[in-house]
Amino acid sequence: MEILQDLHPDVDFETEEHLVDDKILDSFDIVSLIAEINDNFDIAITAKDILPENFNSAQALYELIRRLEEEA
C-alpha cells in the first residue's frame, strides 16, 4: 500500500478497483511498481504476470505478491 501511495497520494487505494482500466496507473507507474515490489519482496514479476487484472487494485497486487512468494 505504501508503494502505491508514494506513486499517487491522492488515490484511495483501499477502495479503487480499476487502477489500470481507469488509467489511474500508467505504464511508467506499472514499471515503477514492479521494480519496487521486486526489491521489497524479493520476488520476480515476469512478463506473464503483467496483466491489467493483476494491477487493477491493491488487493489484486497483494494476491499477485502472495502467489509469487509461494512459488519462490
Protein backbone atom coordinates (compact mmCIF):
# COMPACT_ATOMS: atom_id res chain seq x y z
CA MET A 1 0.00 0.00 0.00
CA GLU A 2 2.86 2.35 0.82
CA ILE A 3 4.38 1.88 -2.63
CA LEU A 4 1.06 2.79 -4.26
CA GLN A 5 0.58 5.81 -2.00
CA ASP A 6 4.04 7.08 -2.95
CA LEU A 7 3.03 6.98 -6.62
CA HIS A 8 -0.38 8.64 -6.23
CA PRO A 9 -1.08 10.03 -2.74
CA ASP A 10 -4.46 11.39 -3.89
CA VAL A 11 -5.95 7.96 -4.73
CA ASP A 12 -7.90 5.82 -2.24
CA PHE A 13 -6.19 2.52 -2.96
CA GLU A 14 -8.26 0.70 -0.35
CA THR A 15 -11.43 1.07 -2.43
CA GLU A 16 -10.26 1.67 -6.01
CA GLU A 17 -10.66 -1.43 -8.18
CA HIS A 18 -9.94 -0.06 -11.67
CA LEU A 19 -6.44 1.40 -11.42
CA VAL A 20 -5.43 0.30 -14.90
CA ASP A 21 -8.86 0.35 -16.54
CA ASP A 22 -9.49 3.94 -15.39
CA LYS A 23 -5.95 4.96 -16.33
CA ILE A 24 -5.02 5.90 -12.77
CA LEU A 25 -1.85 3.87 -13.22
CA ASP A 26 0.03 4.32 -16.48
CA SER A 27 2.81 2.20 -17.93
CA PHE A 28 5.51 4.18 -16.11
CA ASP A 29 3.67 3.60 -12.82
CA ILE A 30 3.48 -0.12 -13.55
CA VAL A 31 7.22 -0.31 -14.26
CA SER A 32 7.94 1.60 -11.05
CA LEU A 33 5.63 -0.68 -9.08
CA ILE A 34 7.25 -3.81 -10.48
CA ALA A 35 10.74 -2.57 -9.57
CA GLU A 36 9.68 -1.61 -6.03
CA ILE A 37 7.78 -4.85 -5.44
CA ASN A 38 10.64 -6.96 -6.80
CA ASP A 39 13.10 -5.18 -4.48
CA ASN A 40 10.92 -5.05 -1.37
CA PHE A 41 9.51 -8.56 -1.53
CA ASP A 42 12.44 -10.36 -3.21
CA ILE A 43 10.22 -11.79 -5.93
CA ALA A 44 10.28 -11.54 -9.72
CA ILE A 45 7.25 -10.22 -11.57
CA THR A 46 7.72 -11.53 -15.10
CA ALA A 47 6.13 -10.52 -18.39
CA LYS A 48 3.45 -13.22 -18.00
CA ASP A 49 2.33 -11.53 -14.75
CA ILE A 50 1.97 -8.07 -16.27
CA LEU A 51 -1.76 -8.21 -16.88
CA PRO A 52 -4.28 -5.47 -16.10
CA GLU A 53 -6.15 -7.71 -13.66
CA ASN A 54 -3.00 -8.04 -11.54
CA PHE A 55 -2.66 -4.25 -11.22
CA ASN A 56 -6.27 -3.01 -11.10
CA SER A 57 -6.41 -2.87 -7.29
CA ALA A 58 -4.26 -3.05 -4.19
CA GLN A 59 -5.94 -6.37 -3.41
CA ALA A 60 -5.01 -7.79 -6.83
CA LEU A 61 -1.41 -6.69 -6.31
CA TYR A 62 -1.38 -8.27 -2.85
CA GLU A 63 -2.67 -11.55 -4.29
CA LEU A 64 -0.01 -11.45 -7.03
CA ILE A 65 2.74 -10.89 -4.46
CA ARG A 66 1.44 -13.71 -2.23
CA ARG A 67 1.26 -16.11 -5.19
CA LEU A 68 4.79 -15.26 -6.33
CA GLU A 69 6.13 -15.61 -2.78
CA GLU A 70 4.56 -19.07 -2.53
CA GLU A 71 6.06 -20.10 -5.88
CA ALA A 72 9.57 -18.99 -4.84
